[in-house]
Amino acid sequence: SSEAKNIPKKFHPPSVVGTMGSAAASAKLLSLNKEQCTHALAI
């Protein structure tokens, strides 16, 4: 998103992409399979 390149106006970015990053890192450490990784991101 080009919107993301500027100082935010609507929402605090780490509350959005940070949650996704935490889910991805946790999925990796938990050794989830590919389908479970998909669901971790979606949840």
PDB file of all heavy atoms in Angstrom:
ATOM      1  N   SER A   1       0.838  -1.201   0.000  1.00  0.00           N
ATOM      2  CA  SER A   1       0.000   0.000   0.000  1.00  0.00           C
ATOM      3  C   SER A   1       0.869   1.245   0.000  1.00  0.00           C
ATOM      4  O   SER A   1       1.793   1.357   0.801  1.00  0.00           O
ATOM      5  CB  SER A   1      -0.897   0.012   1.243  1.00  0.00           C
ATOM      6  OG  SER A   1      -1.467   1.287   1.444  1.00  0.00           O
ATOM      7  N   SER A   2       0.567   2.174  -0.892  1.00  0.00           N
ATOM      8  CA  SER A   2       1.295   3.449  -0.884  1.00  0.00           C
ATOM      9  C   SER A   2       0.867   4.296   0.309  1.00  0.00           C
ATOM     10  O   SER A   2       1.626   5.139   0.788  1.00  0.00           O
ATOM     11  CB  SER A   2       1.054   4.210  -2.191  1.00  0.00           C
ATOM     12  OG  SER A   2      -0.329   4.483  -2.374  1.00  0.00           O
ATOM     13  N   GLU A   3      -0.355   4.093   0.810  1.00  0.00           N
ATOM     14  CA  GLU A   3      -0.820   4.805   2.005  1.00  0.00           C
ATOM     15  C   GLU A   3       0.109   4.537   3.180  1.00  0.00           C
ATOM     16  O   GLU A   3       0.350   5.411   4.013  1.00  0.00           O
ATOM     17  CB  GLU A   3      -2.228   4.340   2.386  1.00  0.00           C
ATOM     18  CG  GLU A   3      -3.338   4.785   1.451  1.00  0.00           C
ATOM     19  CD  GLU A   3      -4.690   4.239   1.888  1.00  0.00           C
ATOM     20  OE1 GLU A   3      -4.756   3.571   2.944  1.00  0.00           O
ATOM     21  OE2 GLU A   3      -5.668   4.470   1.175  1.00  0.00           O
ATOM     22  N   ALA A   4       0.628   3.309   3.240  1.00  0.00           N
ATOM     23  CA  ALA A   4       1.442   2.894   4.377  1.00  0.00           C
ATOM     24  C   ALA A   4       2.782   3.613   4.434  1.00  0.00           C
ATOM     25  O   ALA A   4       3.444   3.603   5.472  1.00  0.00           O
ATOM     26  CB  ALA A   4       1.668   1.384   4.323  1.00  0.00           C
ATOM     27  N   LYS A   5       3.190   4.227   3.334  1.00  0.00           N
ATOM     28  CA  LYS A   5       4.504   4.858   3.303  1.00  0.00           C
ATOM     29  C   LYS A   5       4.544   6.176   4.072  1.00  0.00           C
ATOM     30  O   LYS A   5       5.622   6.664   4.407  1.00  0.00           O
ATOM     31  CB  LYS A   5       4.932   5.079   1.849  1.00  0.00           C
ATOM     32  CG  LYS A   5       5.165   3.768   1.100  1.00  0.00           C
ATOM     33  CD  LYS A   5       5.588   3.995  -0.332  1.00  0.00           C
ATOM     34  CE  LYS A   5       5.806   2.669  -1.050  1.00  0.00           C
ATOM     35  NZ  LYS A   5       6.181   2.849  -2.468  1.00  0.00           N
ATOM     36  N   ASN A   6       3.389   6.763   4.337  1.00  0.00           N
ATOM     37  CA  ASN A   6       3.344   8.025   5.055  1.00  0.00           C
ATOM     38  C   ASN A   6       3.004   7.811   6.531  1.00  0.00           C
ATOM     39  O   ASN A   6       2.518   6.745   6.919  1.00  0.00           O
ATOM     40  CB  ASN A   6       2.318   8.954   4.415  1.00  0.00           C
ATOM     41  CG  ASN A   6       2.707   9.317   2.997  1.00  0.00           C
ATOM     42  OD1 ASN A   6       3.892   9.437   2.677  1.00  0.00           O
ATOM     43  ND2 ASN A   6       1.725   9.470   2.126  1.00  0.00           N
ATOM     44  N   ILE A   7       3.268   8.818   7.349  1.00  0.00           N
ATOM     45  CA  ILE A   7       2.917   8.740   8.764  1.00  0.00           C
ATOM     46  C   ILE A   7       1.422   8.459   8.865  1.00  0.00           C
ATOM     47  O   ILE A   7       0.616   9.137   8.220  1.00  0.00           O
ATOM     48  CB  ILE A   7       3.291  10.052   9.483  1.00  0.00           C
ATOM     49  CG1 ILE A   7       4.819  10.241   9.463  1.00  0.00           C
ATOM     50  CG2 ILE A   7       2.797  10.029  10.924  1.00  0.00           C
ATOM     51  CD1 ILE A   7       5.289  11.550  10.049  1.00  0.00           C
ATOM     52  N   PRO A   8       1.000   7.463   9.631  1.00  0.00           N
ATOM     53  CA  PRO A   8      -0.403   7.006   9.609  1.00  0.00           C
ATOM     54  C   PRO A   8      -1.399   8.039  10.121  1.00  0.00           C
ATOM     55  O   PRO A   8      -1.069   8.889  10.943  1.00  0.00           O
ATOM     56  CB  PRO A   8      -0.374   5.771  10.513  1.00  0.00           C
ATOM     57  CG  PRO A   8       0.791   5.993  11.410  1.00  0.00           C
ATOM     58  CD  PRO A   8       1.823   6.696  10.576  1.00  0.00           C
ATOM     59  N   LYS A   9      -2.625   7.896   9.627  1.00  0.00           N
ATOM     60  CA  LYS A   9      -3.712   8.797  10.024  1.00  0.00           C
ATOM     61  C   LYS A   9      -4.855   8.054  10.718  1.00  0.00           C
ATOM     62  O   LYS A   9      -5.465   8.575  11.636  1.00  0.00           O
ATOM     63  CB  LYS A   9      -4.261   9.529   8.796  1.00  0.00           C
ATOM     64  CG  LYS A   9      -3.263  10.446   8.108  1.00  0.00           C
ATOM     65  CD  LYS A   9      -3.877  11.097   6.881  1.00  0.00           C
ATOM     66  CE  LYS A   9      -2.883  12.001   6.163  1.00  0.00           C
ATOM     67  NZ  LYS A   9      -3.469  12.608   4.934  1.00  0.00           N
ATOM     68  N   LYS A  10      -5.144   6.833  10.257  1.00  0.00           N
ATOM     69  CA  LYS A  10      -6.337   6.142  10.744  1.00  0.00           C
ATOM     70  C   LYS A  10      -6.043   5.131  11.850  1.00  0.00           C
ATOM     71  O   LYS A  10      -6.694   5.126  12.879  1.00  0.00           O
ATOM     72  CB  LYS A  10      -7.041   5.445   9.577  1.00  0.00           C
ATOM     73  CG  LYS A  10      -7.609   6.403   8.545  1.00  0.00           C
ATOM     74  CD  LYS A  10      -8.320   5.642   7.435  1.00  0.00           C
ATOM     75  CE  LYS A  10      -8.897   6.586   6.400  1.00  0.00           C
ATOM     76  NZ  LYS A  10      -9.584   5.842   5.307  1.00  0.00           N
ATOM     77  N   PHE A  11      -5.091   4.238  11.614  1.00  0.00           N
ATOM     78  CA  PHE A  11      -4.799   3.200  12.595  1.00  0.00           C
ATOM     79  C   PHE A  11      -3.299   3.097  12.809  1.00  0.00           C
ATOM     80  O   PHE A  11      -2.503   3.490  11.967  1.00  0.00           O
ATOM     81  CB  PHE A  11      -5.377   1.844  12.163  1.00  0.00           C
ATOM     82  CG  PHE A  11      -4.793   1.318  10.874  1.00  0.00           C
ATOM     83  CD1 PHE A  11      -3.605   0.605  10.865  1.00  0.00           C
ATOM     84  CD2 PHE A  11      -5.442   1.528   9.670  1.00  0.00           C
ATOM     85  CE1 PHE A  11      -3.067   0.125   9.682  1.00  0.00           C
ATOM     86  CE2 PHE A  11      -4.909   1.048   8.472  1.00  0.00           C
ATOM     87  CZ  PHE A  11      -3.720   0.357   8.482  1.00  0.00           C
ATOM     88  N   HIS A  12      -2.928   2.549  13.955  1.00  0.00           N
ATOM     89  CA  HIS A  12      -1.519   2.408  14.318  1.00  0.00           C
ATOM     90  C   HIS A  12      -0.986   1.148  13.636  1.00  0.00           C
ATOM     91  O   HIS A  12      -1.424   0.032  13.953  1.00  0.00           O
ATOM     92  CB  HIS A  12      -1.389   2.315  15.832  1.00  0.00           C
ATOM     93  CG  HIS A  12      -0.015   2.548  16.336  1.00  0.00           C
ATOM     94  ND1 HIS A  12       0.433   2.064  17.546  1.00  0.00           N
ATOM     95  CD2 HIS A  12       1.042   3.234  15.810  1.00  0.00           C
ATOM     96  CE1 HIS A  12       1.681   2.428  17.749  1.00  0.00           C
ATOM     97  NE2 HIS A  12       2.084   3.138  16.701  1.00  0.00           N
ATOM     98  N   PRO A  13      -0.040   1.246  12.709  1.00  0.00           N
ATOM     99  CA  PRO A  13       0.391   0.097  11.900  1.00  0.00           C
ATOM    100  C   PRO A  13       0.811  -1.152  12.672  1.00  0.00           C
ATOM    101  O   PRO A  13       0.436  -2.258  12.274  1.00  0.00           O
ATOM    102  CB  PRO A  13       1.549   0.670  11.080  1.00  0.00           C
ATOM    103  CG  PRO A  13       1.227   2.120  10.953  1.00  0.00           C
ATOM    104  CD  PRO A  13       0.609   2.494  12.267  1.00  0.00           C
ATOM    105  N   PRO A  14       1.574  -1.049  13.781  1.00  0.00           N
ATOM    106  CA  PRO A  14       1.964  -2.294  14.450  1.00  0.00           C
ATOM    107  C   PRO A  14       0.787  -3.083  15.003  1.00  0.00           C
ATOM    108  O   PRO A  14       0.901  -4.292  15.206  1.00  0.00           O
ATOM    109  CB  PRO A  14       2.906  -1.834  15.570  1.00  0.00           C
ATOM    110  CG  PRO A  14       2.618  -0.387  15.767  1.00  0.00           C
ATOM    111  CD  PRO A  14       2.207   0.134  14.427  1.00  0.00           C
ATOM    112  N   SER A  15      -0.335  -2.424  15.227  1.00  0.00           N
ATOM    113  CA  SER A  15      -1.507  -3.156  15.706  1.00  0.00           C
ATOM    114  C   SER A  15      -2.111  -4.016  14.603  1.00  0.00           C
ATOM    115  O   SER A  15      -2.895  -4.933  14.878  1.00  0.00           O
ATOM    116  CB  SER A  15      -2.571  -2.179  16.240  1.00  0.00           C
ATOM    117  OG  SER A  15      -3.191  -1.458  15.180  1.00  0.00           O
ATOM    118  N   VAL A  16      -1.739  -3.731  13.357  1.00  0.00           N
ATOM    119  CA  VAL A  16      -2.243  -4.495  12.212  1.00  0.00           C
ATOM    120  C   VAL A  16      -1.165  -5.435  11.678  1.00  0.00           C
ATOM    121  O   VAL A  16      -1.242  -6.647  11.829  1.00  0.00           O
ATOM    122  CB  VAL A  16      -2.742  -3.547  11.099  1.00  0.00           C
ATOM    123  CG1 VAL A  16      -3.137  -4.339   9.857  1.00  0.00           C
ATOM    124  CG2 VAL A  16      -3.939  -2.740  11.598  1.00  0.00           C
ATOM    125  N   VAL A  17      -0.113  -4.877  11.074  1.00  0.00           N
ATOM    126  CA  VAL A  17       0.929  -5.750  10.521  1.00  0.00           C
ATOM    127  C   VAL A  17       1.713  -6.446  11.627  1.00  0.00           C
ATOM    128  O   VAL A  17       2.224  -7.544  11.434  1.00  0.00           O
ATOM    129  CB  VAL A  17       1.883  -4.977   9.586  1.00  0.00           C
ATOM    130  CG1 VAL A  17       1.130  -4.456   8.366  1.00  0.00           C
ATOM    131  CG2 VAL A  17       2.600  -3.843  10.306  1.00  0.00           C
ATOM    132  N   GLY A  18       1.808  -5.822  12.788  1.00  0.00           N
ATOM    133  CA  GLY A  18       2.509  -6.450  13.899  1.00  0.00           C
ATOM    134  C   GLY A  18       1.819  -7.719  14.376  1.00  0.00           C
ATOM    135  O   GLY A  18       2.473  -8.712  14.713  1.00  0.00           O
ATOM    136  N   THR A  19       0.497  -7.699  14.411  1.00  0.00           N
ATOM    137  CA  THR A  19      -0.262  -8.885  14.792  1.00  0.00           C
ATOM    138  C   THR A  19      -0.014 -10.013  13.801  1.00  0.00           C
ATOM    139  O   THR A  19       0.145 -11.184  14.177  1.00  0.00           O
ATOM    140  CB  THR A  19      -1.759  -8.561  14.861  1.00  0.00           C
ATOM    141  OG1 THR A  19      -1.950  -7.397  15.678  1.00  0.00           O
ATOM    142  CG2 THR A  19      -2.549  -9.714  15.455  1.00  0.00           C
ATOM    143  N   MET A  20       0.028  -9.661  12.511  1.00  0.00           N
ATOM    144  CA  MET A  20       0.304 -10.653  11.470  1.00  0.00           C
ATOM    145  C   MET A  20       1.735 -11.195  11.603  1.00  0.00           C
ATOM    146  O   MET A  20       1.977 -12.393  11.442  1.00  0.00           O
ATOM    147  CB  MET A  20       0.115 -10.032  10.094  1.00  0.00           C
ATOM    148  CG  MET A  20      -1.245  -9.384   9.868  1.00  0.00           C
ATOM    149  SD  MET A  20      -2.619 -10.537   9.935  1.00  0.00           S
ATOM    150  CE  MET A  20      -2.442 -11.332   8.341  1.00  0.00           C
ATOM    151  N   GLY A  21       2.674 -10.311  11.903  1.00  0.00           N
ATOM    152  CA  GLY A  21       4.061 -10.730  12.081  1.00  0.00           C
ATOM    153  C   GLY A  21       4.231 -11.655  13.268  1.00  0.00           C
ATOM    154  O   GLY A  21       4.970 -12.651  13.205  1.00  0.00           O
ATOM    155  N   SER A  22       3.550 -11.350  14.353  1.00  0.00           N
ATOM    156  CA  SER A  22       3.613 -12.210  15.533  1.00  0.00           C
ATOM    157  C   SER A  22       3.026 -13.583  15.236  1.00  0.00           C
ATOM    158  O   SER A  22       3.578 -14.613  15.649  1.00  0.00           O
ATOM    159  CB  SER A  22       2.855 -11.556  16.690  1.00  0.00           C
ATOM    160  OG  SER A  22       2.778 -12.416  17.806  1.00  0.00           O
ATOM    161  N   ALA A  23       1.914 -13.610  14.510  1.00  0.00           N
ATOM    162  CA  ALA A  23       1.294 -14.890  14.148  1.00  0.00           C
ATOM    163  C   ALA A  23       2.237 -15.713  13.280  1.00  0.00           C
ATOM    164  O   ALA A  23       2.376 -16.933  13.468  1.00  0.00           O
ATOM    165  CB  ALA A  23      -0.021 -14.642  13.414  1.00  0.00           C
ATOM    166  N   ALA A  24       2.897 -15.058  12.324  1.00  0.00           N
ATOM    167  CA  ALA A  24       3.817 -15.760  11.426  1.00  0.00           C
ATOM    168  C   ALA A  24       5.016 -16.309  12.184  1.00  0.00           C
ATOM    169  O   ALA A  24       5.415 -17.475  11.999  1.00  0.00           O
ATOM    170  CB  ALA A  24       4.278 -14.814  10.320  1.00  0.00           C
ATOM    171  N   ALA A  25       5.612 -15.479  13.042  1.00  0.00           N
ATOM    172  CA  ALA A  25       6.773 -15.916  13.832  1.00  0.00           C
ATOM    173  C   ALA A  25       6.401 -17.062  14.758  1.00  0.00           C
ATOM    174  O   ALA A  25       7.155 -18.039  14.904  1.00  0.00           O
ATOM    175  CB  ALA A  25       7.325 -14.750  14.634  1.00  0.00           C
ATOM    176  N   SER A  26       5.231 -16.955  15.390  1.00  0.00           N
ATOM    177  CA  SER A  26       4.782 -18.000  16.311  1.00  0.00           C
ATOM    178  C   SER A  26       4.488 -19.291  15.553  1.00  0.00           C
ATOM    179  O   SER A  26       4.806 -20.389  16.030  1.00  0.00           O
ATOM    180  CB  SER A  26       3.536 -17.527  17.063  1.00  0.00           C
ATOM    181  OG  SER A  26       3.813 -16.367  17.836  1.00  0.00           O
ATOM    182  N   ALA A  27       3.869 -19.163  14.380  1.00  0.00           N
ATOM    183  CA  ALA A  27       3.591 -20.344  13.553  1.00  0.00           C
ATOM    184  C   ALA A  27       4.882 -21.055  13.177  1.00  0.00           C
ATOM    185  O   ALA A  27       4.954 -22.290  13.170  1.00  0.00           O
ATOM    186  CB  ALA A  27       2.817 -19.931  12.304  1.00  0.00           C
ATOM    187  N   LYS A  28       5.915 -20.263  12.869  1.00  0.00           N
ATOM    188  CA  LYS A  28       7.203 -20.857  12.518  1.00  0.00           C
ATOM    189  C   LYS A  28       7.799 -21.618  13.695  1.00  0.00           C
ATOM    190  O   LYS A  28       8.278 -22.756  13.546  1.00  0.00           O
ATOM    191  CB  LYS A  28       8.165 -19.762  12.047  1.00  0.00           C
ATOM    192  CG  LYS A  28       9.511 -20.290  11.532  1.00  0.00           C
ATOM    193  CD  LYS A  28       9.310 -21.155  10.295  1.00  0.00           C
ATOM    194  CE  LYS A  28      10.618 -21.674   9.741  1.00  0.00           C
ATOM    195  NZ  LYS A  28      10.384 -22.569   8.579  1.00  0.00           N
ATOM    196  N   LEU A  29       7.766 -21.009  14.872  1.00  0.00           N
ATOM    197  CA  LEU A  29       8.365 -21.642  16.041  1.00  0.00           C
ATOM    198  C   LEU A  29       7.567 -22.867  16.487  1.00  0.00           C
ATOM    199  O   LEU A  29       8.129 -23.813  17.050  1.00  0.00           O
ATOM    200  CB  LEU A  29       8.475 -20.625  17.180  1.00  0.00           C
ATOM    201  CG  LEU A  29       9.694 -20.736  18.093  1.00  0.00           C
ATOM    202  CD1 LEU A  29      10.990 -20.754  17.294  1.00  0.00           C
ATOM    203  CD2 LEU A  29       9.716 -19.587  19.082  1.00  0.00           C
ATOM    204  N   LEU A  30       6.261 -22.851  16.217  1.00  0.00           N
ATOM    205  CA  LEU A  30       5.409 -23.987  16.556  1.00  0.00           C
ATOM    206  C   LEU A  30       5.465 -25.092  15.501  1.00  0.00           C
ATOM    207  O   LEU A  30       4.830 -26.141  15.660  1.00  0.00           O
ATOM    208  CB  LEU A  30       3.953 -23.525  16.704  1.00  0.00           C
ATOM    209  CG  LEU A  30       3.623 -22.713  17.957  1.00  0.00           C
ATOM    210  CD1 LEU A  30       2.280 -22.022  17.810  1.00  0.00           C
ATOM    211  CD2 LEU A  30       3.646 -23.609  19.195  1.00  0.00           C
ATOM    212  N   SER A  31       6.213 -24.844  14.420  1.00  0.00           N
ATOM    213  CA  SER A  31       6.352 -25.808  13.323  1.00  0.00           C
ATOM    214  C   SER A  31       5.007 -26.181  12.708  1.00  0.00           C
ATOM    215  O   SER A  31       4.734 -27.349  12.398  1.00  0.00           O
ATOM    216  CB  SER A  31       7.065 -27.087  13.812  1.00  0.00           C
ATOM    217  OG  SER A  31       8.349 -26.791  14.305  1.00  0.00           O
ATOM    218  N   LEU A  32       4.136 -25.181  12.513  1.00  0.00           N
ATOM    219  CA  LEU A  32       2.840 -25.440  11.889  1.00  0.00           C
ATOM    220  C   LEU A  32       3.023 -25.813  10.424  1.00  0.00           C
ATOM    221  O   LEU A  32       3.952 -25.349   9.760  1.00  0.00           O
ATOM    222  CB  LEU A  32       1.936 -24.209  11.993  1.00  0.00           C
ATOM    223  CG  LEU A  32       1.606 -23.686  13.400  1.00  0.00           C
ATOM    224  CD1 LEU A  32       0.493 -22.653  13.320  1.00  0.00           C
ATOM    225  CD2 LEU A  32       1.207 -24.816  14.345  1.00  0.00           C
ATOM    226  N   ASN A  33       2.112 -26.646   9.908  1.00  0.00           N
ATOM    227  CA  ASN A  33       2.175 -26.971   8.486  1.00  0.00           C
ATOM    228  C   ASN A  33       1.632 -25.797   7.671  1.00  0.00           C
ATOM    229  O   ASN A  33       1.145 -24.811   8.225  1.00  0.00           O
ATOM    230  CB  ASN A  33       1.426 -28.273   8.176  1.00  0.00           C
ATOM    231  CG  ASN A  33      -0.070 -28.192   8.499  1.00  0.00           C
ATOM    232  OD1 ASN A  33      -0.714 -27.165   8.296  1.00  0.00           O
ATOM    233  ND2 ASN A  33      -0.622 -29.290   8.999  1.00  0.00           N
ATOM    234  N   LYS A  34       1.708 -25.915   6.353  1.00  0.00           N
ATOM    235  CA  LYS A  34       1.354 -24.775   5.496  1.00  0.00           C
ATOM    236  C   LYS A  34      -0.099 -24.348   5.681  1.00  0.00           C
ATOM    237  O   LYS A  34      -0.403 -23.150   5.751  1.00  0.00           O
ATOM    238  CB  LYS A  34       1.622 -25.113   4.033  1.00  0.00           C
ATOM    239  CG  LYS A  34       1.464 -23.919   3.103  1.00  0.00           C
ATOM    240  CD  LYS A  34       1.954 -24.209   1.705  1.00  0.00           C
ATOM    241  CE  LYS A  34       0.995 -25.098   0.952  1.00  0.00           C
ATOM    242  NZ  LYS A  34       1.337 -25.201  -0.494  1.00  0.00           N
ATOM    243  N   GLU A  35      -0.996 -25.310   5.770  1.00  0.00           N
ATOM    244  CA  GLU A  35      -2.404 -24.967   5.942  1.00  0.00           C
ATOM    245  C   GLU A  35      -2.630 -24.255   7.274  1.00  0.00           C
ATOM    246  O   GLU A  35      -3.380 -23.266   7.354  1.00  0.00           O
ATOM    247  CB  GLU A  35      -3.269 -26.229   5.867  1.00  0.00           C
ATOM    248  CG  GLU A  35      -4.762 -25.908   5.919  1.00  0.00           C
ATOM    249  CD  GLU A  35      -5.629 -27.158   5.852  1.00  0.00           C
ATOM    250  OE1 GLU A  35      -5.082 -28.262   6.037  1.00  0.00           O
ATOM    251  OE2 GLU A  35      -6.841 -27.011   5.651  1.00  0.00           O
ATOM    252  N   GLN A  36      -1.986 -24.734   8.313  1.00  0.00           N
ATOM    253  CA  GLN A  36      -2.129 -24.089   9.618  1.00  0.00           C
ATOM    254  C   GLN A  36      -1.540 -22.682   9.610  1.00  0.00           C
ATOM    255  O   GLN A  36      -2.073 -21.780  10.263  1.00  0.00           O
ATOM    256  CB  GLN A  36      -1.438 -24.937  10.688  1.00  0.00           C
ATOM    257  CG  GLN A  36      -2.132 -26.258  10.986  1.00  0.00           C
ATOM    258  CD  GLN A  36      -1.306 -27.154  11.888  1.00  0.00           C
ATOM    259  OE1 GLN A  36      -0.076 -27.245  11.741  1.00  0.00           O
ATOM    260  NE2 GLN A  36      -1.948 -27.828  12.835  1.00  0.00           N
ATOM    261  N   CYS A  37      -0.453 -22.485   8.872  1.00  0.00           N
ATOM    262  CA  CYS A  37       0.122 -21.132   8.742  1.00  0.00           C
ATOM    263  C   CYS A  37      -0.869 -20.189   8.072  1.00  0.00           C
ATOM    264  O   CYS A  37      -1.002 -19.023   8.463  1.00  0.00           O
ATOM    265  CB  CYS A  37       1.422 -21.187   7.934  1.00  0.00           C
ATOM    266  SG  CYS A  37       2.798 -21.988   8.786  1.00  0.00           S
ATOM    267  N   THR A  38      -1.560 -20.696   7.055  1.00  0.00           N
ATOM    268  CA  THR A  38      -2.598 -19.899   6.389  1.00  0.00           C
ATOM    269  C   THR A  38      -3.646 -19.455   7.389  1.00  0.00           C
ATOM    270  O   THR A  38      -4.039 -18.282   7.434  1.00  0.00           O
ATOM    271  CB  THR A  38      -3.267 -20.731   5.275  1.00  0.00           C
ATOM    272  OG1 THR A  38      -2.306 -21.054   4.282  1.00  0.00           O
ATOM    273  CG2 THR A  38      -4.411 -19.954   4.634  1.00  0.00           C
ATOM    274  N   HIS A  39      -4.128 -20.401   8.191  1.00  0.00           N
ATOM    275  CA  HIS A  39      -5.177 -20.082   9.161  1.00  0.00           C
ATOM    276  C   HIS A  39      -4.666 -19.162  10.263  1.00  0.00           C
ATOM    277  O   HIS A  39      -5.411 -18.296  10.748  1.00  0.00           O
ATOM    278  CB  HIS A  39      -5.767 -21.365   9.737  1.00  0.00           C
ATOM    279  CG  HIS A  39      -6.498 -22.194   8.718  1.00  0.00           C
ATOM    280  ND1 HIS A  39      -7.470 -21.664   7.899  1.00  0.00           N
ATOM    281  CD2 HIS A  39      -6.381 -23.503   8.369  1.00  0.00           C
ATOM    282  CE1 HIS A  39      -7.940 -22.607   7.094  1.00  0.00           C
ATOM    283  NE2 HIS A  39      -7.281 -23.736   7.351  1.00  0.00           N
ATOM    284  N   ALA A  40      -3.414 -19.323  10.666  1.00  0.00           N
ATOM    285  CA  ALA A  40      -2.850 -18.436  11.683  1.00  0.00           C
ATOM    286  C   ALA A  40      -2.884 -16.985  11.209  1.00  0.00           C
ATOM    287  O   ALA A  40      -3.258 -16.071  11.959  1.00  0.00           O
ATOM    288  CB  ALA A  40      -1.420 -18.858  12.012  1.00  0.00           C
ATOM    289  N   LEU A  41      -2.505 -16.760   9.955  1.00  0.00           N
ATOM    290  CA  LEU A  41      -2.549 -15.405   9.395  1.00  0.00           C
ATOM    291  C   LEU A  41      -3.976 -14.894   9.320  1.00  0.00           C
ATOM    292  O   LEU A  41      -4.259 -13.728   9.639  1.00  0.00           O
ATOM    293  CB  LEU A  41      -1.918 -15.398   8.006  1.00  0.00           C
ATOM    294  CG  LEU A  41      -0.401 -15.634   7.931  1.00  0.00           C
ATOM    295  CD1 LEU A  41       0.053 -15.774   6.483  1.00  0.00           C
ATOM    296  CD2 LEU A  41       0.366 -14.497   8.608  1.00  0.00           C
ATOM    297  N   ALA A  42      -4.887 -15.760   8.882  1.00  0.00           N
ATOM    298  CA  ALA A  42      -6.278 -15.331   8.725  1.00  0.00           C
ATOM    299  C   ALA A  42      -6.934 -15.034  10.066  1.00  0.00           C
ATOM    300  O   ALA A  42      -7.692 -14.065  10.203  1.00  0.00           O
ATOM    301  CB  ALA A  42      -7.060 -16.409   7.976  1.00  0.00           C
ATOM    302  N   ILE A  43      -6.640 -15.844  11.071  1.00  0.00           N
ATOM    303  CA  ILE A  43      -7.162 -15.586  12.415  1.00  0.00           C
ATOM    304  C   ILE A  43      -6.602 -14.275  12.955  1.00  0.00           C
ATOM    305  O   ILE A  43      -7.324 -13.451  13.526  1.00  0.00           O
ATOM    306  CB  ILE A  43      -6.815 -16.749  13.369  1.00  0.00           C
ATOM    307  CG1 ILE A  43      -7.497 -18.038  12.916  1.00  0.00           C
ATOM    308  CG2 ILE A  43      -7.235 -16.413  14.806  1.00  0.00           C
ATOM    309  CD1 ILE A  43      -6.925 -19.290  13.571  1.00  0.00           C
TER     310      ILE A  43
END
